[in-house]
């Protein structure tokens, strides 16, 4: 399974156009973040930890926006 499969197609598409691939830290964090778990990601500087949380939040906002009024 692709790490981006659970993202809205617009979010996944933007990521794929902007980056070559997710980092290992992102691949491991996204499923837990998207299931609503509290997550602590321990990885080196520059491994995409903050962006993993940010992209999961943006994805959730996109999905909620499409479901809402």
PDB file of N, CA and C in Angstrom:
ATOM      1  N   UNK A   1       0.837  -1.184   0.000  1.00  0.00           N
ATOM      2  CA  UNK A   1       0.000   0.000   0.000  1.00  0.00           C
ATOM      3  C   UNK A   1       0.883   1.248   0.000  1.00  0.00           C
ATOM      4  N   UNK A   2       0.533   2.205  -0.810  1.00  0.00           N
ATOM      5  CA  UNK A   2       1.238   3.474  -0.893  1.00  0.00           C
ATOM      6  C   UNK A   2       0.917   4.294   0.355  1.00  0.00           C
ATOM      7  N   UNK A   3       1.908   4.959   0.917  1.00  0.00           N
ATOM      8  CA  UNK A   3       1.726   5.756   2.135  1.00  0.00           C
ATOM      9  C   UNK A   3       0.718   6.883   1.932  1.00  0.00           C
ATOM     10  N   UNK A   4       0.496   7.294   0.697  1.00  0.00           N
ATOM     11  CA  UNK A   4      -0.423   8.393   0.418  1.00  0.00           C
ATOM     12  C   UNK A   4      -1.831   7.937   0.078  1.00  0.00           C
ATOM     13  N   UNK A   5      -2.080   6.639   0.048  1.00  0.00           N
ATOM     14  CA  UNK A   5      -3.391   6.126  -0.343  1.00  0.00           C
ATOM     15  C   UNK A   5      -4.524   6.600   0.560  1.00  0.00           C
ATOM     16  N   UNK A   6      -4.235   6.870   1.817  1.00  0.00           N
ATOM     17  CA  UNK A   6      -5.293   7.265   2.745  1.00  0.00           C
ATOM     18  C   UNK A   6      -5.578   8.767   2.700  1.00  0.00           C
ATOM     19  N   UNK A   7      -4.801   9.515   1.940  1.00  0.00           N
ATOM     20  CA  UNK A   7      -5.014  10.955   1.822  1.00  0.00           C
ATOM     21  C   UNK A   7      -6.033  11.260   0.732  1.00  0.00           C
ATOM     22  N   UNK A   8      -6.675  12.416   0.852  1.00  0.00           N
ATOM     23  CA  UNK A   8      -7.579  12.872  -0.208  1.00  0.00           C
ATOM     24  C   UNK A   8      -6.746  12.982  -1.490  1.00  0.00           C
ATOM     25  N   UNK A   9      -7.323  12.662  -2.641  1.00  0.00           N
ATOM     26  CA  UNK A   9      -6.555  12.700  -3.889  1.00  0.00           C
ATOM     27  C   UNK A   9      -5.878  14.051  -4.171  1.00  0.00           C
ATOM     28  N   UNK A  10      -6.510  15.152  -3.797  1.00  0.00           N
ATOM     29  CA  UNK A  10      -5.896  16.461  -4.038  1.00  0.00           C
ATOM     30  C   UNK A  10      -4.650  16.647  -3.178  1.00  0.00           C
ATOM     31  N   UNK A  11      -4.701  16.187  -1.945  1.00  0.00           N
ATOM     32  CA  UNK A  11      -3.555  16.300  -1.034  1.00  0.00           C
ATOM     33  C   UNK A  11      -2.439  15.365  -1.497  1.00  0.00           C
ATOM     34  N   UNK A  12      -2.802  14.130  -1.793  1.00  0.00           N
ATOM     35  CA  UNK A  12      -1.810  13.155  -2.257  1.00  0.00           C
ATOM     36  C   UNK A  12      -1.176  13.605  -3.570  1.00  0.00           C
ATOM     37  N   UNK A  13      -1.987  14.157  -4.454  1.00  0.00           N
ATOM     38  CA  UNK A  13      -1.469  14.635  -5.737  1.00  0.00           C
ATOM     39  C   UNK A  13      -0.495  15.778  -5.570  1.00  0.00           C
ATOM     40  N   UNK A  14      -0.841  16.735  -4.698  1.00  0.00           N
ATOM     41  CA  UNK A  14       0.076  17.844  -4.437  1.00  0.00           C
ATOM     42  C   UNK A  14       1.396  17.322  -3.884  1.00  0.00           C
ATOM     43  N   UNK A  15       1.317  16.407  -2.911  1.00  0.00           N
ATOM     44  CA  UNK A  15       2.546  15.868  -2.327  1.00  0.00           C
ATOM     45  C   UNK A  15       3.399  15.197  -3.402  1.00  0.00           C
ATOM     46  N   UNK A  16       2.774  14.383  -4.228  1.00  0.00           N
ATOM     47  CA  UNK A  16       3.511  13.645  -5.264  1.00  0.00           C
ATOM     48  C   UNK A  16       4.152  14.562  -6.296  1.00  0.00           C
ATOM     49  N   UNK A  17       3.505  15.683  -6.576  1.00  0.00           N
ATOM     50  CA  UNK A  17       4.083  16.643  -7.522  1.00  0.00           C
ATOM     51  C   UNK A  17       5.213  17.450  -6.896  1.00  0.00           C
ATOM     52  N   UNK A  18       5.209  17.567  -5.580  1.00  0.00           N
ATOM     53  CA  UNK A  18       6.146  18.440  -4.883  1.00  0.00           C
ATOM     54  C   UNK A  18       7.368  17.700  -4.345  1.00  0.00           C
ATOM     55  N   UNK A  19       7.189  16.445  -3.953  1.00  0.00           N
ATOM     56  CA  UNK A  19       8.257  15.659  -3.330  1.00  0.00           C
ATOM     57  C   UNK A  19       8.434  14.346  -4.079  1.00  0.00           C
ATOM     58  N   UNK A  20       9.635  13.813  -4.038  1.00  0.00           N
ATOM     59  CA  UNK A  20       9.897  12.529  -4.685  1.00  0.00           C
ATOM     60  C   UNK A  20       9.167  11.390  -3.989  1.00  0.00           C
ATOM     61  N   UNK A  21       9.225  11.380  -2.659  1.00  0.00           N
ATOM     62  CA  UNK A  21       8.615  10.298  -1.890  1.00  0.00           C
ATOM     63  C   UNK A  21       8.549  10.708  -0.422  1.00  0.00           C
ATOM     64  N   UNK A  22       7.648  10.086   0.343  1.00  0.00           N
ATOM     65  CA  UNK A  22       7.629  10.355   1.781  1.00  0.00           C
ATOM     66  C   UNK A  22       8.888   9.801   2.445  1.00  0.00           C
ATOM     67  N   UNK A  23       9.258  10.401   3.548  1.00  0.00           N
ATOM     68  CA  UNK A  23      10.379   9.880   4.320  1.00  0.00           C
ATOM     69  C   UNK A  23       9.878   8.698   5.165  1.00  0.00           C
ATOM     70  N   UNK A  24      10.784   7.873   5.646  1.00  0.00           N
ATOM     71  CA  UNK A  24      10.357   6.771   6.522  1.00  0.00           C
ATOM     72  C   UNK A  24       9.581   7.267   7.751  1.00  0.00           C
ATOM     73  N   UNK A  25       9.997   8.397   8.319  1.00  0.00           N
ATOM     74  CA  UNK A  25       9.284   8.936   9.481  1.00  0.00           C
ATOM     75  C   UNK A  25       7.848   9.301   9.113  1.00  0.00           C
ATOM     76  N   UNK A  26       7.650   9.878   7.955  1.00  0.00           N
ATOM     77  CA  UNK A  26       6.303  10.232   7.509  1.00  0.00           C
ATOM     78  C   UNK A  26       5.467   8.984   7.253  1.00  0.00           C
ATOM     79  N   UNK A  27       6.039   8.018   6.568  1.00  0.00           N
ATOM     80  CA  UNK A  27       5.297   6.780   6.275  1.00  0.00           C
ATOM     81  C   UNK A  27       4.822   6.084   7.543  1.00  0.00           C
ATOM     82  N   UNK A  28       5.642   6.125   8.577  1.00  0.00           N
ATOM     83  CA  UNK A  28       5.282   5.451   9.822  1.00  0.00           C
ATOM     84  C   UNK A  28       4.328   6.284  10.671  1.00  0.00           C
ATOM     85  N   UNK A  29       4.418   7.608  10.578  1.00  0.00           N
ATOM     86  CA  UNK A  29       3.576   8.468  11.418  1.00  0.00           C
ATOM     87  C   UNK A  29       2.161   8.631  10.871  1.00  0.00           C
ATOM     88  N   UNK A  30       1.996   8.716   9.569  1.00  0.00           N
ATOM     89  CA  UNK A  30       0.694   9.031   8.996  1.00  0.00           C
ATOM     90  C   UNK A  30      -0.433   8.095   9.411  1.00  0.00           C
ATOM     91  N   UNK A  31      -0.266   6.788   9.397  1.00  0.00           N
ATOM     92  CA  UNK A  31      -1.398   5.944   9.813  1.00  0.00           C
ATOM     93  C   UNK A  31      -1.854   6.223  11.251  1.00  0.00           C
ATOM     94  N   UNK A  32      -0.917   6.416  12.148  1.00  0.00           N
ATOM     95  CA  UNK A  32      -1.277   6.694  13.547  1.00  0.00           C
ATOM     96  C   UNK A  32      -1.931   8.067  13.669  1.00  0.00           C
ATOM     97  N   UNK A  33      -1.376   9.062  12.988  1.00  0.00           N
ATOM     98  CA  UNK A  33      -1.960  10.403  13.031  1.00  0.00           C
ATOM     99  C   UNK A  33      -3.380  10.397  12.476  1.00  0.00           C
ATOM    100  N   UNK A  34      -3.576   9.717  11.370  1.00  0.00           N
ATOM    101  CA  UNK A  34      -4.883   9.712  10.733  1.00  0.00           C
ATOM    102  C   UNK A  34      -5.916   8.898  11.504  1.00  0.00           C
ATOM    103  N   UNK A  35      -5.466   8.030  12.374  1.00  0.00           N
ATOM    104  CA  UNK A  35      -6.420   7.282  13.197  1.00  0.00           C
ATOM    105  C   UNK A  35      -6.722   8.015  14.501  1.00  0.00           C
ATOM    106  N   UNK A  36      -6.118   9.180  14.682  1.00  0.00           N
ATOM    107  CA  UNK A  36      -6.410   9.990  15.851  1.00  0.00           C
ATOM    108  C   UNK A  36      -5.568   9.686  17.072  1.00  0.00           C
ATOM    109  N   UNK A  37      -4.539   8.874  16.912  1.00  0.00           N
ATOM    110  CA  UNK A  37      -3.673   8.539  18.035  1.00  0.00           C
ATOM    111  C   UNK A  37      -2.741   9.706  18.352  1.00  0.00           C
ATOM    112  N   UNK A  38      -2.331   9.765  19.619  1.00  0.00           N
ATOM    113  CA  UNK A  38      -1.267  10.687  19.992  1.00  0.00           C
ATOM    114  C   UNK A  38       0.030  10.072  19.477  1.00  0.00           C
ATOM    115  N   UNK A  39       0.878  10.882  18.857  1.00  0.00           N
ATOM    116  CA  UNK A  39       2.055  10.352  18.184  1.00  0.00           C
ATOM    117  C   UNK A  39       3.299  11.131  18.610  1.00  0.00           C
ATOM    118  N   UNK A  40       4.328  10.410  18.925  1.00  0.00           N
ATOM    119  CA  UNK A  40       5.648  10.997  19.161  1.00  0.00           C
ATOM    120  C   UNK A  40       6.575  10.395  18.121  1.00  0.00           C
ATOM    121  N   UNK A  41       7.111  11.239  17.256  1.00  0.00           N
ATOM    122  CA  UNK A  41       7.999  10.775  16.194  1.00  0.00           C
ATOM    123  C   UNK A  41       9.427  11.157  16.579  1.00  0.00           C
ATOM    124  N   UNK A  42      10.265  10.172  16.700  1.00  0.00           N
ATOM    125  CA  UNK A  42      11.680  10.408  17.006  1.00  0.00           C
ATOM    126  C   UNK A  42      12.493  10.065  15.763  1.00  0.00           C
ATOM    127  N   UNK A  43      13.048  11.092  15.159  1.00  0.00           N
ATOM    128  CA  UNK A  43      13.832  10.915  13.940  1.00  0.00           C
ATOM    129  C   UNK A  43      14.769  12.114  13.822  1.00  0.00           C
ATOM    130  N   UNK A  44      15.786  11.994  12.996  1.00  0.00           N
ATOM    131  CA  UNK A  44      16.749  13.096  12.857  1.00  0.00           C
ATOM    132  C   UNK A  44      16.120  14.381  12.312  1.00  0.00           C
ATOM    133  N   UNK A  45      16.793  15.477  12.548  1.00  0.00           N
ATOM    134  CA  UNK A  45      16.394  16.767  11.985  1.00  0.00           C
ATOM    135  C   UNK A  45      16.324  16.643  10.462  1.00  0.00           C
ATOM    136  N   UNK A  46      15.291  17.230   9.892  1.00  0.00           N
ATOM    137  CA  UNK A  46      15.145  17.204   8.443  1.00  0.00           C
ATOM    138  C   UNK A  46      14.477  15.960   7.901  1.00  0.00           C
ATOM    139  N   UNK A  47      13.927  15.130   8.784  1.00  0.00           N
ATOM    140  CA  UNK A  47      13.312  13.876   8.329  1.00  0.00           C
ATOM    141  C   UNK A  47      11.819  14.019   8.045  1.00  0.00           C
ATOM    142  N   UNK A  48      11.270  15.217   8.210  1.00  0.00           N
ATOM    143  CA  UNK A  48       9.868  15.435   7.857  1.00  0.00           C
ATOM    144  C   UNK A  48       8.880  15.213   8.983  1.00  0.00           C
ATOM    145  N   UNK A  49       9.329  15.258  10.223  1.00  0.00           N
ATOM    146  CA  UNK A  49       8.435  15.012  11.355  1.00  0.00           C
ATOM    147  C   UNK A  49       7.313  16.054  11.430  1.00  0.00           C
ATOM    148  N   UNK A  50       7.690  17.311  11.422  1.00  0.00           N
ATOM    149  CA  UNK A  50       6.685  18.373  11.527  1.00  0.00           C
ATOM    150  C   UNK A  50       5.754  18.346  10.329  1.00  0.00           C
ATOM    151  N   UNK A  51       6.316  18.146   9.164  1.00  0.00           N
ATOM    152  CA  UNK A  51       5.497  18.118   7.953  1.00  0.00           C
ATOM    153  C   UNK A  51       4.555  16.918   7.941  1.00  0.00           C
ATOM    154  N   UNK A  52       4.943  15.819   8.568  1.00  0.00           N
ATOM    155  CA  UNK A  52       4.049  14.655   8.659  1.00  0.00           C
ATOM    156  C   UNK A  52       2.767  15.045   9.388  1.00  0.00           C
ATOM    157  N   UNK A  53       2.904  15.736  10.518  1.00  0.00           N
ATOM    158  CA  UNK A  53       1.734  16.161  11.276  1.00  0.00           C
ATOM    159  C   UNK A  53       0.946  17.226  10.512  1.00  0.00           C
ATOM    160  N   UNK A  54       1.649  18.157   9.898  1.00  0.00           N
ATOM    161  CA  UNK A  54       0.994  19.226   9.151  1.00  0.00           C
ATOM    162  C   UNK A  54       0.177  18.671   7.996  1.00  0.00           C
ATOM    163  N   UNK A  55       0.741  17.777   7.220  1.00  0.00           N
ATOM    164  CA  UNK A  55       0.026  17.238   6.068  1.00  0.00           C
ATOM    165  C   UNK A  55      -1.183  16.420   6.506  1.00  0.00           C
ATOM    166  N   UNK A  56      -1.054  15.671   7.592  1.00  0.00           N
ATOM    167  CA  UNK A  56      -2.201  14.910   8.106  1.00  0.00           C
ATOM    168  C   UNK A  56      -3.314  15.856   8.538  1.00  0.00           C
ATOM    169  N   UNK A  57      -2.953  16.981   9.157  1.00  0.00           N
ATOM    170  CA  UNK A  57      -3.953  17.965   9.571  1.00  0.00           C
ATOM    171  C   UNK A  57      -4.620  18.623   8.365  1.00  0.00           C
ATOM    172  N   UNK A  58      -3.828  18.994   7.369  1.00  0.00           N
ATOM    173  CA  UNK A  58      -4.388  19.591   6.149  1.00  0.00           C
ATOM    174  C   UNK A  58      -5.342  18.609   5.477  1.00  0.00           C
ATOM    175  N   UNK A  59      -4.945  17.354   5.409  1.00  0.00           N
ATOM    176  CA  UNK A  59      -5.793  16.335   4.799  1.00  0.00           C
ATOM    177  C   UNK A  59      -7.125  16.232   5.537  1.00  0.00           C
ATOM    178  N   UNK A  60      -7.075  16.247   6.860  1.00  0.00           N
ATOM    179  CA  UNK A  60      -8.306  16.167   7.647  1.00  0.00           C
ATOM    180  C   UNK A  60      -9.194  17.381   7.390  1.00  0.00           C
ATOM    181  N   UNK A  61      -8.599  18.563   7.303  1.00  0.00           N
ATOM    182  CA  UNK A  61      -9.377  19.768   7.011  1.00  0.00           C
ATOM    183  C   UNK A  61     -10.028  19.705   5.623  1.00  0.00           C
ATOM    184  N   UNK A  62      -9.304  19.207   4.643  1.00  0.00           N
ATOM    185  CA  UNK A  62      -9.868  19.064   3.296  1.00  0.00           C
ATOM    186  C   UNK A  62     -11.053  18.108   3.342  1.00  0.00           C
ATOM    187  N   UNK A  63     -10.900  16.976   3.986  1.00  0.00           N
ATOM    188  CA  UNK A  63     -11.986  15.994   4.063  1.00  0.00           C
ATOM    189  C   UNK A  63     -13.193  16.552   4.809  1.00  0.00           C
ATOM    190  N   UNK A  64     -12.953  17.240   5.931  1.00  0.00           N
ATOM    191  CA  UNK A  64     -14.058  17.830   6.685  1.00  0.00           C
ATOM    192  C   UNK A  64     -14.749  18.920   5.879  1.00  0.00           C
ATOM    193  N   UNK A  65     -13.971  19.708   5.158  1.00  0.00           N
ATOM    194  CA  UNK A  65     -14.551  20.763   4.330  1.00  0.00           C
ATOM    195  C   UNK A  65     -15.455  20.222   3.243  1.00  0.00           C
ATOM    196  N   UNK A  66     -15.089  19.110   2.676  1.00  0.00           N
ATOM    197  CA  UNK A  66     -15.897  18.499   1.622  1.00  0.00           C
ATOM    198  C   UNK A  66     -17.160  17.829   2.171  1.00  0.00           C
ATOM    199  N   UNK A  67     -17.112  17.410   3.432  1.00  0.00           N
ATOM    200  CA  UNK A  67     -18.264  16.769   4.067  1.00  0.00           C
ATOM    201  C   UNK A  67     -19.237  17.781   4.652  1.00  0.00           C
ATOM    202  N   UNK A  68     -18.729  18.961   5.009  1.00  0.00           N
ATOM    203  CA  UNK A  68     -19.520  19.944   5.728  1.00  0.00           C
ATOM    204  C   UNK A  68     -20.447  20.738   4.826  1.00  0.00           C
ATOM    205  N   UNK A  69     -21.183  21.668   5.464  1.00  0.00           N
ATOM    206  CA  UNK A  69     -22.122  22.494   4.694  1.00  0.00           C
ATOM    207  C   UNK A  69     -21.418  23.493   3.788  1.00  0.00           C
TER     208      UNK A  69
END
